[in-house]
Amino acid sequence: MRVIRRLAAAAAFTLAVGALGLTTGTAHATTTRTAVVSASCSQSYLPLPDPVCQPGADNPDVTQATITSTICVSGWTSMVRPPTGYINPLKIQQIAAYGYSDTSTADYEEDHLFPLELGGAPRDP
Protein backbone atom coordinates (compact mmCIF):
# COMPACT_ATOMS: atom_id res chain seq x y z
CA MET A 1 0.00 0.00 0.00
CA ARG A 2 1.38 3.41 -0.98
CA VAL A 3 1.56 6.10 1.65
CA ILE A 4 0.30 9.48 0.49
CA ARG A 5 1.89 12.45 2.23
CA ARG A 6 -0.13 15.62 2.55
CA LEU A 7 1.76 18.82 1.88
CA ALA A 8 -0.86 20.80 3.76
CA ALA A 9 -3.27 19.19 6.21
CA ALA A 10 -6.99 19.83 5.94
CA ALA A 11 -7.14 18.67 9.54
CA ALA A 12 -5.68 22.06 10.38
CA PHE A 13 -9.01 23.72 9.63
CA THR A 14 -9.29 25.14 13.13
CA LEU A 15 -5.86 26.70 12.85
CA ALA A 16 -6.69 28.15 9.43
CA VAL A 17 -9.96 29.61 10.65
CA GLY A 18 -8.22 31.26 13.59
CA ALA A 19 -5.38 32.56 11.41
CA LEU A 20 -7.85 34.11 9.00
CA GLY A 21 -9.82 35.77 11.74
CA LEU A 22 -12.99 33.79 11.06
CA THR A 23 -15.21 32.24 13.66
CA THR A 24 -16.52 28.71 13.34
CA GLY A 25 -19.86 28.62 11.57
CA THR A 26 -19.30 31.61 9.31
CA ALA A 27 -18.43 31.58 5.64
CA HIS A 28 -17.36 35.16 5.11
CA ALA A 29 -14.01 35.94 3.58
CA THR A 30 -11.35 38.21 4.95
CA THR A 31 -8.53 39.87 3.07
CA THR A 32 -6.84 37.35 0.79
CA ARG A 33 -3.31 36.44 1.84
CA THR A 34 -0.57 35.57 -0.59
CA ALA A 35 1.39 32.53 0.48
CA VAL A 36 4.96 32.27 -0.63
CA VAL A 37 6.76 28.96 -0.72
CA SER A 38 10.24 29.98 0.33
CA ALA A 39 13.45 28.25 -0.66
CA SER A 40 13.48 26.55 2.74
CA CYS A 41 10.49 25.46 4.79
CA SER A 42 10.69 23.81 8.21
CA GLN A 43 9.61 20.21 8.76
CA SER A 44 9.33 20.91 12.49
CA TYR A 45 5.58 21.62 12.16
CA LEU A 46 4.78 18.26 10.57
CA PRO A 47 2.20 16.88 10.02
CA LEU A 48 1.06 20.49 9.56
CA PRO A 49 2.78 22.79 7.06
CA ASP A 50 5.22 25.53 8.00
CA PRO A 51 2.86 28.52 8.53
CA VAL A 52 5.38 30.87 6.94
CA CYS A 53 5.39 28.80 3.75
CA GLN A 54 1.70 27.89 3.67
CA PRO A 55 -0.38 30.20 5.87
CA GLY A 56 -3.65 29.41 4.06
CA ALA A 57 -5.87 31.89 2.29
CA ASP A 58 -9.55 32.50 1.76
CA ASN A 59 -11.35 32.78 -1.57
CA PRO A 60 -12.53 36.39 -2.01
CA ASP A 61 -15.42 35.09 -4.15
CA VAL A 62 -16.89 33.40 -1.06
CA THR A 63 -18.66 35.82 1.24
CA GLN A 64 -21.69 35.57 3.49
CA ALA A 65 -23.69 37.14 0.65
CA THR A 66 -22.47 34.59 -1.96
CA ILE A 67 -22.44 31.28 -0.09
CA THR A 68 -25.67 30.10 -1.74
CA SER A 69 -24.04 30.49 -5.16
CA THR A 70 -20.57 29.28 -4.15
CA ILE A 71 -19.75 26.80 -1.36
CA CYS A 72 -23.36 25.71 -0.88
CA VAL A 73 -23.65 24.61 -4.53
CA SER A 74 -23.24 20.87 -5.09
CA GLY A 75 -19.98 20.29 -6.93
CA TRP A 76 -18.45 23.66 -5.96
CA THR A 77 -15.02 22.22 -5.20
CA SER A 78 -14.81 20.40 -8.53
CA MET A 79 -15.60 23.70 -10.27
CA VAL A 80 -12.80 25.61 -8.52
CA ARG A 81 -10.16 22.91 -7.93
CA PRO A 82 -6.96 23.74 -9.87
CA PRO A 83 -5.89 21.41 -12.71
CA THR A 84 -2.98 18.99 -12.53
CA GLY A 85 -0.95 21.38 -14.67
CA TYR A 86 -1.01 23.82 -11.75
CA ILE A 87 -0.76 21.26 -8.94
CA ASN A 88 2.26 19.21 -10.10
CA PRO A 89 4.66 22.17 -10.52
CA LEU A 90 3.50 23.38 -7.08
CA LYS A 91 4.25 19.94 -5.60
CA ILE A 92 7.74 20.03 -7.11
CA GLN A 93 8.36 23.48 -5.63
CA GLN A 94 7.07 22.47 -2.19
CA ILE A 95 8.93 19.13 -2.13
CA ALA A 96 12.17 21.03 -2.79
CA ALA A 97 11.34 23.75 -0.24
CA TYR A 98 10.76 21.17 2.50
CA GLY A 99 13.85 19.19 1.51
CA TYR A 100 12.08 15.85 1.12
CA SER A 101 14.24 13.05 -0.28
CA ASP A 102 11.27 11.43 -2.05
CA THR A 103 10.72 13.69 -5.07
CA SER A 104 8.02 11.68 -6.83
CA THR A 105 4.94 13.91 -7.16
CA ALA A 106 2.75 10.79 -7.28
CA ASP A 107 3.67 10.09 -3.64
CA TYR A 108 2.19 13.39 -2.45
CA GLU A 109 -1.28 14.85 -2.28
CA GLU A 110 -1.75 18.60 -2.42
CA ASP A 111 -4.31 19.62 0.15
CA HIS A 112 -5.51 23.10 1.02
CA LEU A 113 -4.88 24.29 4.58
CA PHE A 114 -8.18 26.18 4.32
CA PRO A 115 -10.44 23.62 2.55
CA LEU A 116 -12.11 24.62 -0.72
CA GLU A 117 -15.50 23.51 0.57
CA LEU A 118 -15.18 26.07 3.37
CA GLY A 119 -14.08 28.93 1.13
CA GLY A 120 -10.36 28.33 0.74
CA ALA A 121 -8.52 29.94 -2.17
CA PRO A 122 -8.12 27.37 -4.98
CA ARG A 123 -4.78 28.65 -6.29
CA ASP A 124 -3.15 29.57 -3.02
CA PRO A 125 0.06 27.56 -2.50
C-alpha atoms as a PDB file:
ATOM      1  CA  MET A   1       0.000   0.000   0.000  1.00  0.00           C
ATOM      2  CA  ARG A   2       1.384   3.406  -0.981  1.00  0.00           C
ATOM      3  CA  VAL A   3       1.558   6.096   1.653  1.00  0.00           C
ATOM      4  CA  ILE A   4       0.304   9.476   0.491  1.00  0.00           C
ATOM      5  CA  ARG A   5       1.888  12.453   2.233  1.00  0.00           C
ATOM      6  CA  ARG A   6      -0.128  15.619   2.549  1.00  0.00           C
ATOM      7  CA  LEU A   7       1.765  18.819   1.876  1.00  0.00           C
ATOM      8  CA  ALA A   8      -0.863  20.805   3.755  1.00  0.00           C
ATOM      9  CA  ALA A   9      -3.272  19.193   6.208  1.00  0.00           C
ATOM     10  CA  ALA A  10      -6.987  19.832   5.941  1.00  0.00           C
ATOM     11  CA  ALA A  11      -7.136  18.671   9.540  1.00  0.00           C
ATOM     12  CA  ALA A  12      -5.677  22.055  10.381  1.00  0.00           C
ATOM     13  CA  PHE A  13      -9.012  23.722   9.633  1.00  0.00           C
ATOM     14  CA  THR A  14      -9.293  25.138  13.135  1.00  0.00           C
ATOM     15  CA  LEU A  15      -5.859  26.701  12.848  1.00  0.00           C
ATOM     16  CA  ALA A  16      -6.687  28.149   9.434  1.00  0.00           C
ATOM     17  CA  VAL A  17      -9.959  29.605  10.649  1.00  0.00           C
ATOM     18  CA  GLY A  18      -8.216  31.261  13.587  1.00  0.00           C
ATOM     19  CA  ALA A  19      -5.377  32.556  11.412  1.00  0.00           C
ATOM     20  CA  LEU A  20      -7.847  34.105   8.996  1.00  0.00           C
ATOM     21  CA  GLY A  21      -9.815  35.772  11.744  1.00  0.00           C
ATOM     22  CA  LEU A  22     -12.986  33.789  11.058  1.00  0.00           C
ATOM     23  CA  THR A  23     -15.209  32.237  13.655  1.00  0.00           C
ATOM     24  CA  THR A  24     -16.521  28.706  13.344  1.00  0.00           C
ATOM     25  CA  GLY A  25     -19.859  28.616  11.569  1.00  0.00           C
ATOM     26  CA  THR A  26     -19.300  31.610   9.307  1.00  0.00           C
ATOM     27  CA  ALA A  27     -18.433  31.579   5.643  1.00  0.00           C
ATOM     28  CA  HIS A  28     -17.365  35.157   5.111  1.00  0.00           C
ATOM     29  CA  ALA A  29     -14.012  35.940   3.581  1.00  0.00           C
ATOM     30  CA  THR A  30     -11.350  38.205   4.954  1.00  0.00           C
ATOM     31  CA  THR A  31      -8.534  39.868   3.074  1.00  0.00           C
ATOM     32  CA  THR A  32      -6.835  37.352   0.794  1.00  0.00           C
ATOM     33  CA  ARG A  33      -3.311  36.444   1.836  1.00  0.00           C
ATOM     34  CA  THR A  34      -0.572  35.566  -0.589  1.00  0.00           C
ATOM     35  CA  ALA A  35       1.387  32.526   0.481  1.00  0.00           C
ATOM     36  CA  VAL A  36       4.961  32.269  -0.630  1.00  0.00           C
ATOM     37  CA  VAL A  37       6.765  28.965  -0.723  1.00  0.00           C
ATOM     38  CA  SER A  38      10.243  29.977   0.327  1.00  0.00           C
ATOM     39  CA  ALA A  39      13.450  28.253  -0.655  1.00  0.00           C
ATOM     40  CA  SER A  40      13.481  26.552   2.743  1.00  0.00           C
ATOM     41  CA  CYS A  41      10.486  25.455   4.793  1.00  0.00           C
ATOM     42  CA  SER A  42      10.690  23.812   8.210  1.00  0.00           C
ATOM     43  CA  GLN A  43       9.614  20.213   8.758  1.00  0.00           C
ATOM     44  CA  SER A  44       9.328  20.909  12.493  1.00  0.00           C
ATOM     45  CA  TYR A  45       5.583  21.625  12.161  1.00  0.00           C
ATOM     46  CA  LEU A  46       4.776  18.258  10.567  1.00  0.00           C
ATOM     47  CA  PRO A  47       2.205  16.877  10.020  1.00  0.00           C
ATOM     48  CA  LEU A  48       1.055  20.487   9.556  1.00  0.00           C
ATOM     49  CA  PRO A  49       2.781  22.786   7.056  1.00  0.00           C
ATOM     50  CA  ASP A  50       5.223  25.528   7.999  1.00  0.00           C
ATOM     51  CA  PRO A  51       2.862  28.517   8.532  1.00  0.00           C
ATOM     52  CA  VAL A  52       5.385  30.875   6.939  1.00  0.00           C
ATOM     53  CA  CYS A  53       5.393  28.799   3.747  1.00  0.00           C
ATOM     54  CA  GLN A  54       1.696  27.885   3.674  1.00  0.00           C
ATOM     55  CA  PRO A  55      -0.377  30.203   5.874  1.00  0.00           C
ATOM     56  CA  GLY A  56      -3.647  29.411   4.063  1.00  0.00           C
ATOM     57  CA  ALA A  57      -5.872  31.891   2.289  1.00  0.00           C
ATOM     58  CA  ASP A  58      -9.550  32.502   1.759  1.00  0.00           C
ATOM     59  CA  ASN A  59     -11.350  32.778  -1.569  1.00  0.00           C
ATOM     60  CA  PRO A  60     -12.525  36.389  -2.011  1.00  0.00           C
ATOM     61  CA  ASP A  61     -15.424  35.094  -4.146  1.00  0.00           C
ATOM     62  CA  VAL A  62     -16.888  33.403  -1.062  1.00  0.00           C
ATOM     63  CA  THR A  63     -18.656  35.818   1.241  1.00  0.00           C
ATOM     64  CA  GLN A  64     -21.687  35.567   3.489  1.00  0.00           C
ATOM     65  CA  ALA A  65     -23.687  37.136   0.648  1.00  0.00           C
ATOM     66  CA  THR A  66     -22.470  34.594  -1.955  1.00  0.00           C
ATOM     67  CA  ILE A  67     -22.443  31.276  -0.091  1.00  0.00           C
ATOM     68  CA  THR A  68     -25.672  30.096  -1.739  1.00  0.00           C
ATOM     69  CA  SER A  69     -24.037  30.490  -5.163  1.00  0.00           C
ATOM     70  CA  THR A  70     -20.570  29.284  -4.150  1.00  0.00           C
ATOM     71  CA  ILE A  71     -19.751  26.802  -1.360  1.00  0.00           C
ATOM     72  CA  CYS A  72     -23.364  25.706  -0.884  1.00  0.00           C
ATOM     73  CA  VAL A  73     -23.649  24.615  -4.528  1.00  0.00           C
ATOM     74  CA  SER A  74     -23.245  20.874  -5.090  1.00  0.00           C
ATOM     75  CA  GLY A  75     -19.980  20.290  -6.934  1.00  0.00           C
ATOM     76  CA  TRP A  76     -18.454  23.659  -5.963  1.00  0.00           C
ATOM     77  CA  THR A  77     -15.024  22.216  -5.200  1.00  0.00           C
ATOM     78  CA  SER A  78     -14.812  20.399  -8.535  1.00  0.00           C
ATOM     79  CA  MET A  79     -15.603  23.700 -10.273  1.00  0.00           C
ATOM     80  CA  VAL A  80     -12.803  25.612  -8.521  1.00  0.00           C
ATOM     81  CA  ARG A  81     -10.162  22.910  -7.935  1.00  0.00           C
ATOM     82  CA  PRO A  82      -6.963  23.740  -9.869  1.00  0.00           C
ATOM     83  CA  PRO A  83      -5.895  21.413 -12.709  1.00  0.00           C
ATOM     84  CA  THR A  84      -2.982  18.986 -12.525  1.00  0.00           C
ATOM     85  CA  GLY A  85      -0.954  21.383 -14.675  1.00  0.00           C
ATOM     86  CA  TYR A  86      -1.015  23.816 -11.752  1.00  0.00           C
ATOM     87  CA  ILE A  87      -0.755  21.260  -8.938  1.00  0.00           C
ATOM     88  CA  ASN A  88       2.260  19.212 -10.103  1.00  0.00           C
ATOM     89  CA  PRO A  89       4.661  22.174 -10.517  1.00  0.00           C
ATOM     90  CA  LEU A  90       3.499  23.380  -7.083  1.00  0.00           C
ATOM     91  CA  LYS A  91       4.254  19.942  -5.600  1.00  0.00           C
ATOM     92  CA  ILE A  92       7.741  20.033  -7.114  1.00  0.00           C
ATOM     93  CA  GLN A  93       8.365  23.478  -5.631  1.00  0.00           C
ATOM     94  CA  GLN A  94       7.072  22.469  -2.186  1.00  0.00           C
ATOM     95  CA  ILE A  95       8.933  19.132  -2.125  1.00  0.00           C
ATOM     96  CA  ALA A  96      12.169  21.029  -2.792  1.00  0.00           C
ATOM     97  CA  ALA A  97      11.341  23.754  -0.238  1.00  0.00           C
ATOM     98  CA  TYR A  98      10.759  21.165   2.505  1.00  0.00           C
ATOM     99  CA  GLY A  99      13.853  19.195   1.507  1.00  0.00           C
ATOM    100  CA  TYR A 100      12.076  15.852   1.118  1.00  0.00           C
ATOM    101  CA  SER A 101      14.244  13.055  -0.279  1.00  0.00           C
ATOM    102  CA  ASP A 102      11.266  11.428  -2.051  1.00  0.00           C
ATOM    103  CA  THR A 103      10.724  13.694  -5.069  1.00  0.00           C
ATOM    104  CA  SER A 104       8.023  11.679  -6.831  1.00  0.00           C
ATOM    105  CA  THR A 105       4.945  13.913  -7.157  1.00  0.00           C
ATOM    106  CA  ALA A 106       2.748  10.788  -7.279  1.00  0.00           C
ATOM    107  CA  ASP A 107       3.668  10.092  -3.642  1.00  0.00           C
ATOM    108  CA  TYR A 108       2.185  13.393  -2.447  1.00  0.00           C
ATOM    109  CA  GLU A 109      -1.279  14.847  -2.278  1.00  0.00           C
ATOM    110  CA  GLU A 110      -1.746  18.601  -2.424  1.00  0.00           C
ATOM    111  CA  ASP A 111      -4.307  19.619   0.150  1.00  0.00           C
ATOM    112  CA  HIS A 112      -5.512  23.102   1.019  1.00  0.00           C
ATOM    113  CA  LEU A 113      -4.883  24.290   4.577  1.00  0.00           C
ATOM    114  CA  PHE A 114      -8.176  26.182   4.320  1.00  0.00           C
ATOM    115  CA  PRO A 115     -10.441  23.622   2.551  1.00  0.00           C
ATOM    116  CA  LEU A 116     -12.112  24.620  -0.723  1.00  0.00           C
ATOM    117  CA  GLU A 117     -15.500  23.509   0.568  1.00  0.00           C
ATOM    118  CA  LEU A 118     -15.180  26.073   3.370  1.00  0.00           C
ATOM    119  CA  GLY A 119     -14.082  28.935   1.135  1.00  0.00           C
ATOM    120  CA  GLY A 120     -10.356  28.331   0.739  1.00  0.00           C
ATOM    121  CA  ALA A 121      -8.523  29.944  -2.174  1.00  0.00           C
ATOM    122  CA  PRO A 122      -8.115  27.370  -4.981  1.00  0.00           C
ATOM    123  CA  ARG A 123      -4.778  28.653  -6.287  1.00  0.00           C
ATOM    124  CA  ASP A 124      -3.147  29.571  -3.017  1.00  0.00           C
ATOM    125  CA  PRO A 125       0.056  27.561  -2.499  1.00  0.00           C
END
